[in-house]
PDB file of N, CA and C in Angstrom:
ATOM      1  N   VAL A   1      67.938 102.788  72.160  1.00  0.00           N
ATOM      2  CA  VAL A   1      68.320 102.715  73.375  1.00  0.00           C
ATOM      3  C   VAL A   1      69.454 104.104  73.430  1.00  0.00           C
ATOM      4  N   GLU A   2      70.090 104.408  72.221  1.00  0.00           N
ATOM      5  CA  GLU A   2      71.064 105.530  71.983  1.00  0.00           C
ATOM      6  C   GLU A   2      70.430 107.088  72.252  1.00  0.00           C
ATOM      7  N   GLU A   3      68.812 106.946  72.132  1.00  0.00           N
ATOM      8  CA  GLU A   3      68.294 108.467  73.082  1.00  0.00           C
ATOM      9  C   GLU A   3      68.259 108.209  74.007  1.00  0.00           C
ATOM     10  N   SER A   4      67.536 106.859  74.485  1.00  0.00           N
ATOM     11  CA  SER A   4      67.721 106.999  76.072  1.00  0.00           C
ATOM     12  C   SER A   4      68.235 107.254  76.845  1.00  0.00           C
ATOM     13  N   ALA A   5      69.631 106.802  76.730  1.00  0.00           N
ATOM     14  CA  ALA A   5      71.021 106.923  77.155  1.00  0.00           C
ATOM     15  C   ALA A   5      71.634 108.524  77.523  1.00  0.00           C
ATOM     16  N   LYS A   6      71.483 108.882  75.925  1.00  0.00           N
ATOM     17  CA  LYS A   6      71.707 110.378  75.975  1.00  0.00           C
ATOM     18  C   LYS A   6      70.610 111.242  77.098  1.00  0.00           C
ATOM     19  N   GLU A   7      69.283 110.926  77.540  1.00  0.00           N
ATOM     20  CA  GLU A   7      68.744 111.528  78.138  1.00  0.00           C
ATOM     21  C   GLU A   7      68.338 111.429  79.968  1.00  0.00           C
ATOM     22  N   SER A   8      69.291 109.910  80.246  1.00  0.00           N
ATOM     23  CA  SER A   8      69.116 109.904  81.204  1.00  0.00           C
ATOM     24  C   SER A   8      70.412 110.567  81.844  1.00  0.00           C
ATOM     25  N   GLY A   9      71.659 110.390  80.985  1.00  0.00           N
ATOM     26  CA  GLY A   9      72.859 111.210  81.231  1.00  0.00           C
ATOM     27  C   GLY A   9      72.765 112.509  81.631  1.00  0.00           C
ATOM     28  N   LYS A  10      72.223 113.179  80.763  1.00  0.00           N
ATOM     29  CA  LYS A  10      71.368 114.476  81.325  1.00  0.00           C
ATOM     30  C   LYS A  10      70.989 114.929  82.797  1.00  0.00           C
ATOM     31  N   TYR A  11      70.513 113.767  82.810  1.00  0.00           N
ATOM     32  CA  TYR A  11      69.959 114.311  84.628  1.00  0.00           C
ATOM     33  C   TYR A  11      70.733 113.307  85.587  1.00  0.00           C
ATOM     34  N   GLY A  12      71.872 112.261  84.752  1.00  0.00           N
ATOM     35  CA  GLY A  12      73.169 112.255  85.987  1.00  0.00           C
ATOM     36  C   GLY A  12      74.312 112.859  85.931  1.00  0.00           C
ATOM     37  N   SER A  13      74.225 113.698  84.971  1.00  0.00           N
ATOM     38  CA  SER A  13      75.271 114.745  84.884  1.00  0.00           C
ATOM     39  C   SER A  13      74.780 116.433  85.718  1.00  0.00           C
ATOM     40  N   ASP A  14      73.422 116.683  85.844  1.00  0.00           N
ATOM     41  CA  ASP A  14      72.802 117.767  86.367  1.00  0.00           C
ATOM     42  C   ASP A  14      72.066 117.348  87.322  1.00  0.00           C
ATOM     43  N   ARG A  15      72.225 116.887  88.607  1.00  0.00           N
ATOM     44  CA  ARG A  15      71.511 116.273  89.709  1.00  0.00           C
ATOM     45  C   ARG A  15      70.383 118.110  89.756  1.00  0.00           C
ATOM     46  N   LEU A  16      70.871 119.025  89.865  1.00  0.00           N
ATOM     47  CA  LEU A  16      70.197 120.031  90.324  1.00  0.00           C
ATOM     48  C   LEU A  16      68.561 120.232  88.607  1.00  0.00           C
ATOM     49  N   LEU A  17      69.049 119.783  88.338  1.00  0.00           N
ATOM     50  CA  LEU A  17      68.035 119.624  87.013  1.00  0.00           C
ATOM     51  C   LEU A  17      67.453 118.039  87.767  1.00  0.00           C
ATOM     52  N   THR A  18      67.479 117.306  88.273  1.00  0.00           N
ATOM     53  CA  THR A  18      66.672 116.259  88.467  1.00  0.00           C
ATOM     54  C   THR A  18      66.051 116.353  89.736  1.00  0.00           C
ATOM     55  N   ARG A  19      66.589 117.362  89.958  1.00  0.00           N
ATOM     56  CA  ARG A  19      65.970 118.048  91.793  1.00  0.00           C
ATOM     57  C   ARG A  19      64.465 118.866  91.641  1.00  0.00           C
ATOM     58  N   LYS A  20      64.622 119.308  90.751  1.00  0.00           N
ATOM     59  CA  LYS A  20      63.658 120.352  90.006  1.00  0.00           C
ATOM     60  C   LYS A  20      62.515 119.899  89.088  1.00  0.00           C
ATOM     61  N   ARG A  21      63.348 118.732  88.659  1.00  0.00           N
ATOM     62  CA  ARG A  21      62.182 118.102  87.754  1.00  0.00           C
ATOM     63  C   ARG A  21      60.946 117.132  88.703  1.00  0.00           C
ATOM     64  N   ILE A  22      62.090 115.822  89.703  1.00  0.00           N
ATOM     65  CA  ILE A  22      60.797 115.358  90.370  1.00  0.00           C
ATOM     66  C   ILE A  22      60.301 116.507  91.586  1.00  0.00           C
ATOM     67  N   MET A  23      60.895 117.279  91.843  1.00  0.00           N
ATOM     68  CA  MET A  23      60.357 118.073  92.884  1.00  0.00           C
ATOM     69  C   MET A  23      59.172 118.502  91.825  1.00  0.00           C
ATOM     70  N   ALA A  24      59.116 119.049  91.136  1.00  0.00           N
ATOM     71  CA  ALA A  24      57.579 119.772  90.343  1.00  0.00           C
ATOM     72  C   ALA A  24      56.720 118.302  89.777  1.00  0.00           C
ATOM     73  N   ALA A  25      57.866 117.065  89.368  1.00  0.00           N
ATOM     74  CA  ALA A  25      56.491 115.947  89.573  1.00  0.00           C
ATOM     75  C   ALA A  25      55.531 115.577  90.894  1.00  0.00           C
ATOM     76  N   PHE A  26      56.212 115.830  91.850  1.00  0.00           N
ATOM     77  CA  PHE A  26      56.376 115.826  93.402  1.00  0.00           C
ATOM     78  C   PHE A  26      54.964 116.327  93.510  1.00  0.00           C
ATOM     79  N   ASN A  27      55.347 117.728  93.421  1.00  0.00           N
ATOM     80  CA  ASN A  27      54.340 118.699  93.928  1.00  0.00           C
ATOM     81  C   ASN A  27      53.195 118.406  92.909  1.00  0.00           C
ATOM     82  N   PHE A  28      53.165 118.391  91.998  1.00  0.00           N
ATOM     83  CA  PHE A  28      52.075 117.762  91.097  1.00  0.00           C
ATOM     84  C   PHE A  28      51.479 116.652  91.416  1.00  0.00           C
ATOM     85  N   ALA A  29      51.747 115.757  91.464  1.00  0.00           N
ATOM     86  CA  ALA A  29      51.232 114.217  92.363  1.00  0.00           C
ATOM     87  C   ALA A  29      50.320 114.755  93.294  1.00  0.00           C
ATOM     88  N   SER A  30      51.238 115.538  94.892  1.00  0.00           N
ATOM     89  CA  SER A  30      50.052 115.971  95.925  1.00  0.00           C
ATOM     90  C   SER A  30      49.087 116.919  95.860  1.00  0.00           C
ATOM     91  N   ARG A  31      49.154 117.174  94.486  1.00  0.00           N
ATOM     92  CA  ARG A  31      47.640 118.098  94.863  1.00  0.00           C
ATOM     93  C   ARG A  31      46.649 117.581  93.710  1.00  0.00           C
ATOM     94  N   GLN A  32      46.879 115.963  93.868  1.00  0.00           N
ATOM     95  CA  GLN A  32      45.480 115.632  92.923  1.00  0.00           C
ATOM     96  C   GLN A  32      44.615 115.279  94.049  1.00  0.00           C
ATOM     97  N   ALA A  33      43.707 115.178  93.715  1.00  0.00           N
ATOM     98  CA  ALA A  33      42.500 114.471  94.499  1.00  0.00           C
ATOM     99  C   ALA A  33      42.302 113.525  95.254  1.00  0.00           C
ATOM    100  N   THR A  34      42.954 112.423  94.332  1.00  0.00           N
ATOM    101  CA  THR A  34      43.017 110.910  95.206  1.00  0.00           C
ATOM    102  C   THR A  34      44.145 110.902  95.862  1.00  0.00           C
ATOM    103  N   VAL A  35      45.231 112.169  95.685  1.00  0.00           N
ATOM    104  CA  VAL A  35      46.885 111.465  96.427  1.00  0.00           C
ATOM    105  C   VAL A  35      46.307 112.150  97.842  1.00  0.00           C
ATOM    106  N   ASP A  36      47.027 111.553  98.914  1.00  0.00           N
ATOM    107  CA  ASP A  36      46.885 111.908 100.368  1.00  0.00           C
ATOM    108  C   ASP A  36      47.988 112.314 100.294  1.00  0.00           C
ATOM    109  N   PRO A  37      48.523 113.293 100.639  1.00  0.00           N
ATOM    110  CA  PRO A  37      49.375 114.376 100.329  1.00  0.00           C
ATOM    111  C   PRO A  37      51.115 113.639 101.646  1.00  0.00           C
ATOM    112  N   LYS A  38      50.009 113.240 102.623  1.00  0.00           N
ATOM    113  CA  LYS A  38      51.150 112.868 104.372  1.00  0.00           C
ATOM    114  C   LYS A  38      51.332 111.477 103.752  1.00  0.00           C
ATOM    115  N   ARG A  39      50.543 110.730 102.496  1.00  0.00           N
ATOM    116  CA  ARG A  39      50.941 109.187 102.400  1.00  0.00           C
ATOM    117  C   ARG A  39      51.957 108.855 101.105  1.00  0.00           C
ATOM    118  N   ILE A  40      52.834 109.607 100.482  1.00  0.00           N
ATOM    119  CA  ILE A  40      53.939 110.075  99.480  1.00  0.00           C
ATOM    120  C   ILE A  40      55.274 108.889  99.609  1.00  0.00           C
ATOM    121  N   ALA A  41      54.518 107.948  99.646  1.00  0.00           N
ATOM    122  CA  ALA A  41      56.416 107.456  99.169  1.00  0.00           C
ATOM    123  C   ALA A  41      56.857 107.235  97.340  1.00  0.00           C
ATOM    124  N   ALA A  42      58.366 106.997  98.171  1.00  0.00           N
ATOM    125  CA  ALA A  42      58.560 107.368  96.760  1.00  0.00           C
ATOM    126  C   ALA A  42      59.641 105.705  96.348  1.00  0.00           C
ATOM    127  N   ILE A  43      59.740 104.927  95.114  1.00  0.00           N
ATOM    128  CA  ILE A  43      61.086 103.901  94.767  1.00  0.00           C
ATOM    129  C   ILE A  43      61.472 103.814  93.677  1.00  0.00           C
ATOM    130  N   GLY A  44      62.362 103.515  92.900  1.00  0.00           N
ATOM    131  CA  GLY A  44      63.271 103.521  92.300  1.00  0.00           C
ATOM    132  C   GLY A  44      64.605 102.407  92.210  1.00  0.00           C
ATOM    133  N   TYR A  45      64.387 101.987  90.796  1.00  0.00           N
ATOM    134  CA  TYR A  45      65.585 101.050  90.526  1.00  0.00           C
ATOM    135  C   TYR A  45      66.588 101.689  89.238  1.00  0.00           C
ATOM    136  N   CYS A  46      68.019 101.664  89.907  1.00  0.00           N
ATOM    137  CA  CYS A  46      68.467 101.704  88.844  1.00  0.00           C
ATOM    138  C   CYS A  46      68.216 103.839  88.522  1.00  0.00           C
ATOM    139  N   PHE A  47      68.292 104.104  87.184  1.00  0.00           N
ATOM    140  CA  PHE A  47      68.073 105.847  86.770  1.00  0.00           C
ATOM    141  C   PHE A  47      66.702 105.900  87.942  1.00  0.00           C
ATOM    142  N   GLY A  48      65.657 105.542  87.695  1.00  0.00           N
ATOM    143  CA  GLY A  48      64.377 105.339  89.328  1.00  0.00           C
ATOM    144  C   GLY A  48      65.255 105.474  90.588  1.00  0.00           C
ATOM    145  N   GLY A  49      66.160 104.784  90.791  1.00  0.00           N
ATOM    146  CA  GLY A  49      66.608 105.550  92.405  1.00  0.00           C
ATOM    147  C   GLY A  49      67.683 106.389  92.058  1.00  0.00           C
ATOM    148  N   MET A  50      67.969 106.638  91.558  1.00  0.00           N
ATOM    149  CA  MET A  50      69.108 107.780  91.030  1.00  0.00           C
ATOM    150  C   MET A  50      68.143 109.292  92.013  1.00  0.00           C
ATOM    151  N   VAL A  51      67.122 109.126  91.105  1.00  0.00           N
ATOM    152  CA  VAL A  51      66.066 109.973  90.858  1.00  0.00           C
ATOM    153  C   VAL A  51      65.599 110.450  92.123  1.00  0.00           C
ATOM    154  N   VAL A  52      65.226 109.003  92.997  1.00  0.00           N
ATOM    155  CA  VAL A  52      64.515 109.015  94.424  1.00  0.00           C
ATOM    156  C   VAL A  52      65.373 109.507  95.250  1.00  0.00           C
ATOM    157  N   LEU A  53      66.944 108.925  95.341  1.00  0.00           N
ATOM    158  CA  LEU A  53      67.864 109.686  96.019  1.00  0.00           C
ATOM    159  C   LEU A  53      67.636 111.582  96.501  1.00  0.00           C
ATOM    160  N   GLU A  54      67.714 111.716  95.117  1.00  0.00           N
ATOM    161  CA  GLU A  54      67.670 113.153  94.697  1.00  0.00           C
ATOM    162  C   GLU A  54      66.021 113.724  95.110  1.00  0.00           C
ATOM    163  N   LEU A  55      65.072 113.320  95.624  1.00  0.00           N
ATOM    164  CA  LEU A  55      63.811 113.866  95.330  1.00  0.00           C
ATOM    165  C   LEU A  55      64.212 114.123  97.270  1.00  0.00           C
ATOM    166  N   ALA A  56      64.902 112.314  98.183  1.00  0.00           N
ATOM    167  CA  ALA A  56      65.245 112.772  99.400  1.00  0.00           C
ATOM    168  C   ALA A  56      66.357 113.981  99.700  1.00  0.00           C
ATOM    169  N   ARG A  57      67.369 114.107  99.200  1.00  0.00           N
ATOM    170  CA  ARG A  57      67.739 115.133  99.019  1.00  0.00           C
ATOM    171  C   ARG A  57      67.056 116.287  98.900  1.00  0.00           C
ATOM    172  N   ALA A  58      66.513 116.650  98.481  1.00  0.00           N
ATOM    173  CA  ALA A  58      65.523 117.854  98.104  1.00  0.00           C
ATOM    174  C   ALA A  58      64.494 118.174  99.661  1.00  0.00           C
ATOM    175  N   ALA A  59      64.655 117.486 100.514  1.00  0.00           N
ATOM    176  CA  ALA A  59      63.918 117.158 101.742  1.00  0.00           C
ATOM    177  C   ALA A  59      62.488 116.985 101.186  1.00  0.00           C
ATOM    178  N   ALA A  60      61.783 116.369 100.252  1.00  0.00           N
ATOM    179  CA  ALA A  60      60.932 116.308 100.214  1.00  0.00           C
ATOM    180  C   ALA A  60      60.303 115.257 100.954  1.00  0.00           C
ATOM    181  N   PRO A  61      58.862 115.365 101.680  1.00  0.00           N
ATOM    182  CA  PRO A  61      58.041 115.343 102.540  1.00  0.00           C
ATOM    183  C   PRO A  61      57.602 113.846 102.156  1.00  0.00           C
ATOM    184  N   ILE A  62      58.242 112.855 101.927  1.00  0.00           N
ATOM    185  CA  ILE A  62      57.801 111.313 101.331  1.00  0.00           C
ATOM    186  C   ILE A  62      58.294 110.670 103.037  1.00  0.00           C
ATOM    187  N   LYS A  63      57.593 109.864 103.525  1.00  0.00           N
ATOM    188  CA  LYS A  63      57.168 108.902 104.075  1.00  0.00           C
ATOM    189  C   LYS A  63      58.074 107.810 103.993  1.00  0.00           C
ATOM    190  N   ALA A  64      58.092 107.193 102.759  1.00  0.00           N
ATOM    191  CA  ALA A  64      59.083 105.555 102.517  1.00  0.00           C
ATOM    192  C   ALA A  64      60.250 105.896 101.241  1.00  0.00           C
TER     193      ALA A  64
END
């Protein structure tokens, strides 16, 4: 729990780092053969919700 809190705190206090990481994940996912890049959505709760907000703030072309 302590290690997880430290890691999530790192992203919570550095939103630019969070945006860079989530955009890298988004770009990787959108290039997969089984993914339609025009139909990507994002969902998150708690830490994931913060990450999804940063994905939206980064102007990622998500649909929902």
